[in-house]
N, C-alpha and C. Protein backbone atom coordinates (compact mmCIF):
# COMPACT_ATOMS: atom_id res chain seq x y z
N UNK A 1 118.67 94.62 113.05
CA UNK A 1 118.20 94.79 113.05
C UNK A 1 117.23 95.88 114.49
N UNK A 2 117.03 97.29 113.67
CA UNK A 2 116.31 98.27 114.51
C UNK A 2 115.35 97.47 115.25
N UNK A 3 115.11 98.28 116.24
CA UNK A 3 113.23 97.32 117.15
C UNK A 3 111.59 97.96 116.24
N UNK A 4 112.40 99.10 115.88
CA UNK A 4 110.86 100.22 115.38
C UNK A 4 111.18 99.03 112.99
N UNK A 5 112.23 98.56 112.85
CA UNK A 5 111.60 97.75 111.79
C UNK A 5 111.40 96.35 111.47
N UNK A 6 111.79 96.03 113.42
CA UNK A 6 111.11 94.25 113.31
C UNK A 6 109.63 94.61 114.10
N UNK A 7 109.30 95.90 115.10
CA UNK A 7 107.79 95.70 114.92
C UNK A 7 107.35 96.56 113.65
N UNK A 8 107.49 96.99 113.28
CA UNK A 8 107.10 97.58 111.38
C UNK A 8 106.77 96.33 110.76
N UNK A 9 107.57 95.40 110.67
CA UNK A 9 107.58 93.93 110.00
C UNK A 9 106.43 93.23 110.54
N UNK A 10 106.62 93.18 112.22
CA UNK A 10 105.58 92.42 112.73
C UNK A 10 104.32 93.10 112.60
N UNK A 11 103.86 94.12 112.73
CA UNK A 11 102.60 94.62 112.01
C UNK A 11 102.55 94.58 111.30
N UNK A 12 103.43 94.90 109.96
CA UNK A 12 102.21 94.55 108.79
C UNK A 12 102.33 92.84 108.25
N UNK A 13 102.82 91.88 108.98
CA UNK A 13 102.36 90.79 108.33
C UNK A 13 101.38 90.56 109.67
N UNK A 14 100.73 90.90 110.54
CA UNK A 14 99.68 90.20 111.09
C UNK A 14 98.48 91.15 111.01
N UNK A 15 98.26 92.56 109.83
CA UNK A 15 97.70 93.28 109.26
C UNK A 15 97.65 92.32 107.92
N UNK A 16 97.90 91.14 107.15
CA UNK A 16 97.88 91.54 106.59
C UNK A 16 96.78 89.43 106.57
N UNK A 17 98.10 88.55 107.54
CA UNK A 17 97.23 87.61 108.19
C UNK A 17 96.07 88.12 108.83
N UNK A 18 96.07 88.84 109.34
CA UNK A 18 94.86 89.66 109.99
C UNK A 18 93.04 89.26 109.18
N UNK A 19 93.86 90.71 108.29
CA UNK A 19 92.98 90.72 107.01
C UNK A 19 91.89 89.23 106.09
N UNK A 20 93.43 88.49 105.99
CA UNK A 20 92.92 87.83 105.71
C UNK A 20 91.90 86.26 105.95
N UNK A 21 91.55 86.86 107.39
CA UNK A 21 91.14 86.13 108.06
C UNK A 21 89.76 87.16 108.26
N UNK A 22 89.71 88.77 108.09
CA UNK A 22 88.58 89.71 108.07
C UNK A 22 87.89 89.20 107.40
N UNK A 23 88.76 89.03 106.28
CA UNK A 23 87.25 89.36 104.62
C UNK A 23 86.51 88.32 104.75
N UNK A 24 87.40 86.94 105.51
CA UNK A 24 86.80 85.66 104.94
C UNK A 24 85.88 85.62 106.28
N UNK A 25 86.20 86.23 107.03
CA UNK A 25 85.04 86.30 107.93
C UNK A 25 83.98 86.56 107.71
N UNK A 26 83.84 88.04 107.62
CA UNK A 26 83.10 88.83 106.58
C UNK A 26 81.75 88.06 106.00
N UNK A 27 83.41 87.52 105.05
CA UNK A 27 82.30 86.54 103.75
C UNK A 27 81.16 85.55 104.74
N UNK A 28 81.60 84.55 105.25
CA UNK A 28 81.40 83.93 105.44
C UNK A 28 79.77 84.01 106.62
N UNK A 29 80.04 84.65 107.67
CA UNK A 29 78.94 85.71 107.82
C UNK A 29 77.83 86.02 107.34
N UNK A 30 78.06 86.47 106.34
CA UNK A 30 77.35 87.73 105.67
C UNK A 30 77.05 89.15 106.36
N UNK A 31 78.44 89.63 106.99
CA UNK A 31 77.71 90.19 108.18
C UNK A 31 78.53 91.77 107.89
N UNK A 32 77.93 92.72 107.92
CA UNK A 32 77.77 94.18 107.13
C UNK A 32 79.08 94.08 108.04
N UNK A 33 80.37 95.17 106.79
CA UNK A 33 81.54 96.23 107.57
C UNK A 33 81.55 96.45 108.47
N UNK A 34 80.38 97.34 109.40
CA UNK A 34 80.23 98.30 110.23
C UNK A 34 80.49 97.14 111.20
N UNK A 35 79.78 96.10 110.82
CA UNK A 35 79.11 95.10 112.50
C UNK A 35 80.69 94.46 112.66
N UNK A 36 81.34 93.84 111.64
CA UNK A 36 82.63 93.53 111.17
C UNK A 36 84.17 94.55 112.80
N UNK A 37 84.22 95.85 111.94
CA UNK A 37 84.20 96.27 112.40
C UNK A 37 84.92 96.23 113.75
N UNK A 38 83.29 96.00 114.52
CA UNK A 38 82.97 96.92 116.26
C UNK A 38 83.67 95.78 116.79
N UNK A 39 82.70 94.25 116.27
CA UNK A 39 83.13 93.13 116.45
C UNK A 39 84.90 93.24 117.16
N UNK A 40 85.95 93.58 115.55
CA UNK A 40 87.10 93.66 116.02
C UNK A 40 88.03 94.72 116.67
N UNK A 41 87.09 95.79 116.67
CA UNK A 41 87.08 97.33 117.85
C UNK A 41 86.92 96.61 119.77
N UNK A 42 85.60 95.47 119.86
CA UNK A 42 85.67 95.13 120.90
C UNK A 42 86.32 94.57 121.09
N UNK A 43 86.82 93.72 121.02
CA UNK A 43 88.69 92.45 121.25
C UNK A 43 89.09 92.77 120.99
N UNK A 44 90.06 93.91 120.29
CA UNK A 44 90.88 94.98 120.22
C UNK A 44 91.11 95.74 122.32
N UNK A 45 89.86 96.44 122.47
CA UNK A 45 89.96 97.35 123.35
C UNK A 45 89.88 96.31 125.12
N UNK A 46 89.26 94.51 124.48
CA UNK A 46 89.62 94.44 126.03
C UNK A 46 90.98 93.37 126.04
N UNK A 47 91.74 92.72 125.42
CA UNK A 47 92.12 92.70 125.75
C UNK A 47 93.61 93.44 125.61
N UNK A 48 94.18 94.31 124.89
CA UNK A 48 94.49 95.73 124.91
C UNK A 48 94.38 96.68 126.77
N UNK A 49 93.34 96.66 126.38
CA UNK A 49 92.72 97.49 128.19
C UNK A 49 93.74 96.17 129.35
N UNK A 50 93.76 94.95 129.09
CA UNK A 50 94.46 94.46 130.02
C UNK A 50 95.84 94.77 130.12
N UNK A 51 96.27 94.33 129.38
CA UNK A 51 98.50 94.50 128.54
C UNK A 51 98.41 96.11 129.27
N UNK A 52 97.38 96.82 128.82
CA UNK A 52 97.79 97.97 129.05
C UNK A 52 97.72 99.15 130.78
N UNK A 53 97.55 97.74 131.51
CA UNK A 53 96.86 99.09 133.00
C UNK A 53 98.32 99.24 133.63
N UNK A 54 99.71 97.59 133.59
CA UNK A 54 101.27 98.50 133.75
C UNK A 54 101.53 100.15 133.31
N UNK A 55 101.40 99.67 132.44
CA UNK A 55 101.82 101.07 131.42
C UNK A 55 100.10 102.67 131.85
N UNK A 56 99.77 102.51 132.35
CA UNK A 56 98.65 102.72 133.02
C UNK A 56 99.49 103.62 134.31
N UNK A 57 100.07 103.19 134.74
CA UNK A 57 101.28 103.31 136.02
C UNK A 57 101.77 104.46 136.11
N UNK A 58 102.53 104.29 134.37
CA UNK A 58 104.07 105.11 134.39
C UNK A 58 103.54 106.34 134.50
N UNK A 59 102.41 106.96 133.73
CA UNK A 59 102.14 108.24 133.00
C UNK A 59 102.38 109.56 133.58
N UNK A 60 103.06 110.57 132.73
CA UNK A 60 103.22 111.43 133.80
C UNK A 60 102.86 112.88 133.39
N UNK A 61 102.29 112.30 132.74
CA UNK A 61 101.50 113.93 131.61
C UNK A 61 100.21 114.52 131.75
N UNK A 62 99.77 114.08 132.13
CA UNK A 62 97.67 113.74 131.71
C UNK A 62 97.45 115.51 131.47
N UNK A 63 98.31 116.53 131.19
CA UNK A 63 97.50 117.64 131.62
C UNK A 63 97.98 118.19 129.87
N UNK A 64 98.36 116.61 129.01
CA UNK A 64 98.38 118.05 127.75
C UNK A 64 97.25 117.26 127.06
N UNK A 65 96.46 118.75 126.67
CA UNK A 65 95.39 118.55 125.89
C UNK A 65 96.09 118.49 124.44
N UNK A 66 96.38 119.09 123.92
CA UNK A 66 96.66 118.94 122.44
C UNK A 66 97.19 117.42 122.70
N UNK A 67 97.69 116.19 123.27
CA UNK A 67 98.51 115.31 122.80
C UNK A 67 97.10 114.59 122.81
N UNK A 68 96.55 115.04 123.89
CA UNK A 68 95.14 114.02 123.71
C UNK A 68 93.89 114.37 122.83
N UNK A 69 93.88 115.16 122.26
CA UNK A 69 93.30 115.81 120.44
C UNK A 69 93.71 114.46 119.79
N UNK A 70 95.57 114.94 119.76
CA UNK A 70 95.85 114.21 118.08
C UNK A 70 95.70 113.01 118.57
N UNK A 71 95.60 111.37 120.03
CA UNK A 71 95.37 110.46 119.35
C UNK A 71 93.81 110.58 119.67
N UNK A 72 93.19 111.13 119.94
CA UNK A 72 91.99 110.77 120.03
C UNK A 72 91.23 111.30 118.05
N UNK A 73 91.45 113.01 118.14
CA UNK A 73 91.16 112.31 117.09
C UNK A 73 91.48 112.21 115.53
N UNK A 74 93.52 111.44 115.72
CA UNK A 74 93.92 111.48 114.34
C UNK A 74 93.60 110.31 115.12
N UNK A 75 93.99 109.23 115.93
CA UNK A 75 94.05 107.42 116.04
C UNK A 75 92.55 107.40 116.57
N UNK A 76 91.76 107.65 116.69
CA UNK A 76 90.61 107.09 117.32
C UNK A 76 89.52 107.23 116.53
N UNK A 77 89.46 108.82 116.06
CA UNK A 77 88.56 109.09 114.64
C UNK A 77 89.11 109.24 113.04
N UNK A 78 90.04 109.56 112.72
CA UNK A 78 90.19 109.49 110.97
C UNK A 78 90.94 108.07 110.86
N UNK A 79 91.85 107.63 111.58
CA UNK A 79 92.53 105.95 111.51
C UNK A 79 91.53 105.17 112.24
N UNK A 80 91.32 105.81 113.49
CA UNK A 80 90.79 104.00 114.33
C UNK A 80 89.11 104.20 113.27
N UNK A 81 88.48 105.07 113.36
CA UNK A 81 86.93 104.96 113.12
C UNK A 81 86.88 105.14 111.22
N UNK A 82 87.40 106.16 110.83
CA UNK A 82 87.13 106.01 109.32
C UNK A 82 87.93 105.32 108.33
N UNK A 83 89.74 104.94 109.34
CA UNK A 83 90.33 104.14 108.39
C UNK A 83 89.79 102.92 108.59
N UNK A 84 89.31 102.45 109.70
CA UNK A 84 89.21 101.03 109.88
C UNK A 84 87.79 100.69 109.36
N UNK A 85 86.89 101.84 109.07
CA UNK A 85 85.13 101.44 108.24
C UNK A 85 85.55 101.41 107.04
N UNK A 86 86.85 102.13 106.70
CA UNK A 86 87.03 102.35 104.22
C UNK A 86 87.33 100.44 104.44
N UNK A 87 88.86 100.25 105.38
CA UNK A 87 89.08 98.82 105.25
C UNK A 87 88.25 97.58 105.19
N UNK A 88 87.59 98.06 105.89
CA UNK A 88 86.60 96.55 105.87
C UNK A 88 85.48 96.43 105.25
N UNK A 89 84.75 97.67 104.62
CA UNK A 89 83.92 98.27 103.43
C UNK A 89 85.02 97.34 101.99
N UNK A 90 85.97 98.26 101.53
CA UNK A 90 86.90 97.33 101.21
C UNK A 90 87.07 96.11 101.17
N UNK A 91 87.53 95.12 102.24
CA UNK A 91 87.43 93.39 102.05
C UNK A 91 86.43 92.64 101.75
N UNK A 92 85.15 93.59 102.33
CA UNK A 92 83.32 92.83 102.30
C UNK A 92 83.33 93.26 101.12
N UNK A 93 83.76 93.79 99.59
CA UNK A 93 83.24 94.09 98.03
C UNK A 93 84.81 93.90 98.07
N UNK A 94 85.87 93.33 97.84
CA UNK A 94 86.76 93.30 97.05
C UNK A 94 87.07 91.75 96.79
N UNK A 95 87.25 91.49 95.61
CA UNK A 95 88.08 90.94 94.82
C UNK A 95 89.51 90.03 95.42
N UNK A 96 90.03 90.60 95.84
CA UNK A 96 91.79 90.57 95.59
C UNK A 96 92.32 91.40 96.89
N UNK A 97 92.49 90.00 97.90
CA UNK A 97 93.06 90.98 99.02
C UNK A 97 94.48 91.57 99.02
N UNK A 98 95.14 90.88 98.06
CA UNK A 98 96.18 91.94 98.47
C UNK A 98 96.40 92.61 97.34
N UNK A 99 95.57 92.68 96.38
CA UNK A 99 95.44 94.33 96.12
C UNK A 99 94.23 95.32 96.51
N UNK A 100 93.66 94.86 98.02
CA UNK A 100 93.39 96.14 98.99
C UNK A 100 94.25 95.76 99.85
N UNK A 101 94.85 94.37 100.18
CA UNK A 101 96.17 95.41 101.67
C UNK A 101 97.56 96.42 100.73
N UNK A 102 97.07 95.64 99.92
CA UNK A 102 98.52 96.84 99.23
C UNK A 102 98.19 98.59 99.01
N UNK A 103 97.21 98.38 98.24
CA UNK A 103 96.53 99.95 97.91
C UNK A 103 96.32 100.63 99.46
N UNK A 104 95.50 99.76 100.44
CA UNK A 104 94.72 100.71 102.05
C UNK A 104 96.61 101.33 102.19
N UNK A 105 97.48 100.06 102.64
CA UNK A 105 98.36 99.89 103.05
C UNK A 105 100.16 100.73 102.77
N UNK A 106 100.08 100.85 100.90
CA UNK A 106 101.20 101.68 100.75
C UNK A 106 100.93 102.48 100.68
N UNK A 107 99.23 103.54 100.90
CA UNK A 107 99.50 104.88 100.63
C UNK A 107 98.90 105.56 102.33
N UNK A 108 99.60 105.06 103.36
CA UNK A 108 99.80 104.80 104.32
C UNK A 108 100.87 106.02 104.91
N UNK A 109 102.01 105.57 104.21
CA UNK A 109 103.76 106.34 104.27
C UNK A 109 102.99 107.71 103.84
N UNK A 110 102.50 107.09 102.16
CA UNK A 110 102.26 108.90 101.68
C UNK A 110 101.87 109.70 102.13
N UNK A 111 100.64 109.50 102.40
CA UNK A 111 99.46 110.23 103.51
C UNK A 111 100.54 110.63 105.08
N UNK A 112 101.23 110.18 104.87
CA UNK A 112 102.17 110.70 106.83
C UNK A 112 102.98 111.99 106.67
N UNK A 113 103.97 110.94 105.49
CA UNK A 113 104.90 111.56 104.85
C UNK A 113 104.28 113.78 104.20
N UNK A 114 102.82 113.78 103.35
CA UNK A 114 102.75 114.84 103.22
C UNK A 114 102.06 115.86 104.08
N UNK A 115 101.61 114.26 104.90
CA UNK A 115 101.27 116.43 106.75
C UNK A 115 102.33 116.06 107.09
N UNK A 116 103.17 115.19 107.14
CA UNK A 116 104.50 116.06 108.55
C UNK A 116 105.08 116.48 107.71
N UNK A 117 105.66 116.88 106.22
CA UNK A 117 104.97 118.54 105.22
C UNK A 117 104.50 118.82 104.87
N UNK A 118 103.50 119.10 105.47
CA UNK A 118 102.71 119.92 104.99
C UNK A 118 103.08 121.05 106.65
N UNK A 119 103.01 119.73 107.76
CA UNK A 119 103.51 120.75 109.53
C UNK A 119 104.13 120.65 109.82
N UNK A 120 105.40 120.66 108.13
CA UNK A 120 107.07 121.28 109.91
C UNK A 120 107.34 120.17 109.75
N UNK A 121 107.59 119.68 109.84
CA UNK A 121 107.96 118.10 111.73
C UNK A 121 108.35 116.82 110.59
N UNK A 122 108.34 117.15 108.42
CA UNK A 122 108.83 115.73 108.56
C UNK A 122 108.83 116.48 107.40
N UNK A 123 110.95 116.09 106.95
CA UNK A 123 112.53 116.07 106.25
C UNK A 123 111.46 114.98 105.06
N UNK A 124 112.13 115.55 104.38
CA UNK A 124 112.18 114.51 102.53
C UNK A 124 113.56 114.77 102.10
N UNK A 125 114.20 113.75 101.43
CA UNK A 125 115.27 113.68 100.92
C UNK A 125 115.24 112.45 99.49
N UNK A 126 116.44 112.06 98.64
CA UNK A 126 116.02 112.00 97.77
C UNK A 126 115.69 110.04 97.80
N UNK A 127 116.31 110.37 98.57
CA UNK A 127 116.13 108.49 98.80
C UNK A 127 114.18 108.44 99.49
N UNK A 128 114.13 109.73 100.22
CA UNK A 128 112.03 108.91 100.75
C UNK A 128 111.75 109.35 99.29
N UNK A 129 112.02 110.53 98.44
CA UNK A 129 110.94 110.94 97.29
C UNK A 129 111.13 109.87 96.57
N UNK A 130 112.18 109.66 96.09
CA UNK A 130 112.20 107.55 95.56
C UNK A 130 111.90 106.66 96.09
N UNK A 131 111.38 106.63 97.72
CA UNK A 131 110.80 105.34 97.53
C UNK A 131 108.96 105.18 97.91
N UNK A 132 109.06 106.94 98.17
CA UNK A 132 107.31 107.32 97.93
C UNK A 132 107.15 107.20 96.40
N UNK A 133 108.29 107.92 95.35
CA UNK A 133 107.37 107.00 94.05
C UNK A 133 107.02 106.22 93.47
N UNK A 134 107.83 105.02 94.18
CA UNK A 134 108.27 103.56 94.44
C UNK A 134 106.92 103.08 94.42
N UNK A 135 106.03 103.37 96.23
CA UNK A 135 105.47 103.25 96.14
C UNK A 135 103.90 103.77 95.44
N UNK A 136 103.80 104.38 95.00
CA UNK A 136 102.43 105.34 93.80
C UNK A 136 102.73 104.24 92.71
N UNK A 137 104.16 103.77 92.00
CA UNK A 137 104.46 103.25 91.16
C UNK A 137 103.32 101.11 91.29
N UNK A 138 104.90 100.97 92.31
CA UNK A 138 103.91 99.86 92.63
C UNK A 138 102.29 99.68 93.03
N UNK A 139 101.54 100.44 93.17
CA UNK A 139 100.78 100.35 93.33
C UNK A 139 99.23 100.57 91.94
N UNK A 140 100.17 101.63 91.16
CA UNK A 140 99.58 100.94 89.32
C UNK A 140 99.73 99.95 88.87
N UNK A 141 100.45 99.58 89.14
CA UNK A 141 101.06 97.96 88.65
C UNK A 141 100.49 97.29 89.35
N UNK A 142 99.70 97.14 90.27
CA UNK A 142 98.88 96.50 90.96
C UNK A 142 97.51 97.00 90.95
N UNK A 143 96.89 97.63 90.53
CA UNK A 143 95.54 97.50 89.74
C UNK A 143 95.63 97.63 88.34
N UNK A 144 96.72 97.99 87.64
CA UNK A 144 97.20 96.77 86.24
C UNK A 144 96.80 96.06 85.88
N UNK A 145 97.69 95.02 86.92
CA UNK A 145 97.48 93.16 86.71
C UNK A 145 96.47 92.99 87.00
N UNK A 146 95.33 93.43 88.17
CA UNK A 146 94.07 93.03 88.81
C UNK A 146 92.97 92.64 87.38
N UNK A 147 92.95 91.44 87.73
CA UNK A 147 91.36 91.44 87.06
C UNK A 147 90.73 91.08 87.34
N UNK A 148 89.59 90.95 86.86
CA UNK A 148 87.61 90.61 87.75
C UNK A 148 88.03 89.51 86.96
N UNK A 149 87.44 88.34 88.29
CA UNK A 149 87.73 87.18 88.34
C UNK A 149 85.56 86.78 87.55
N UNK A 150 85.15 87.94 87.07
CA UNK A 150 83.50 87.11 86.86
C UNK A 150 83.62 87.48 85.31
N UNK A 151 85.19 88.14 84.88
CA UNK A 151 84.72 88.79 83.61
C UNK A 151 85.81 87.71 83.04
N UNK A 152 85.33 87.74 81.55
CA UNK A 152 85.89 87.16 80.44
C UNK A 152 86.92 87.53 79.69
N UNK A 153 88.13 87.50 79.53
CA UNK A 153 88.90 88.59 78.95
C UNK A 153 89.36 87.29 77.74
């Protein structure tokens, strides 16, 4: 198995399990989503800050302003702040964790591929196109199968 596939699987498992505990914690504490995401981020900053110390010693391209902006805007503002706030708001209000995770994380490859196509850095072939269509079909099926537990049908 290629390392990037293994890391992607690990990320998906970690986000799924983490999402379960985050949703449960928000509910048990009655914590507003924005406070929950702050707590999550603070813990991650401390842990990742400590783990990253050796990596900073090997860093060789500090002059790339464009690279810094892409990480700060794309990772810090769009994904890290807006994305995580939206995810926590969804966790705090959803009845079904599986639906929340499926919709949030299934749209990620679609959005990333479309961005790459718009910027001209991503190619698409038949297999990739069919895979993206399958993702959309899966989201539709999950939404159609979801029933609100408070409603009597």
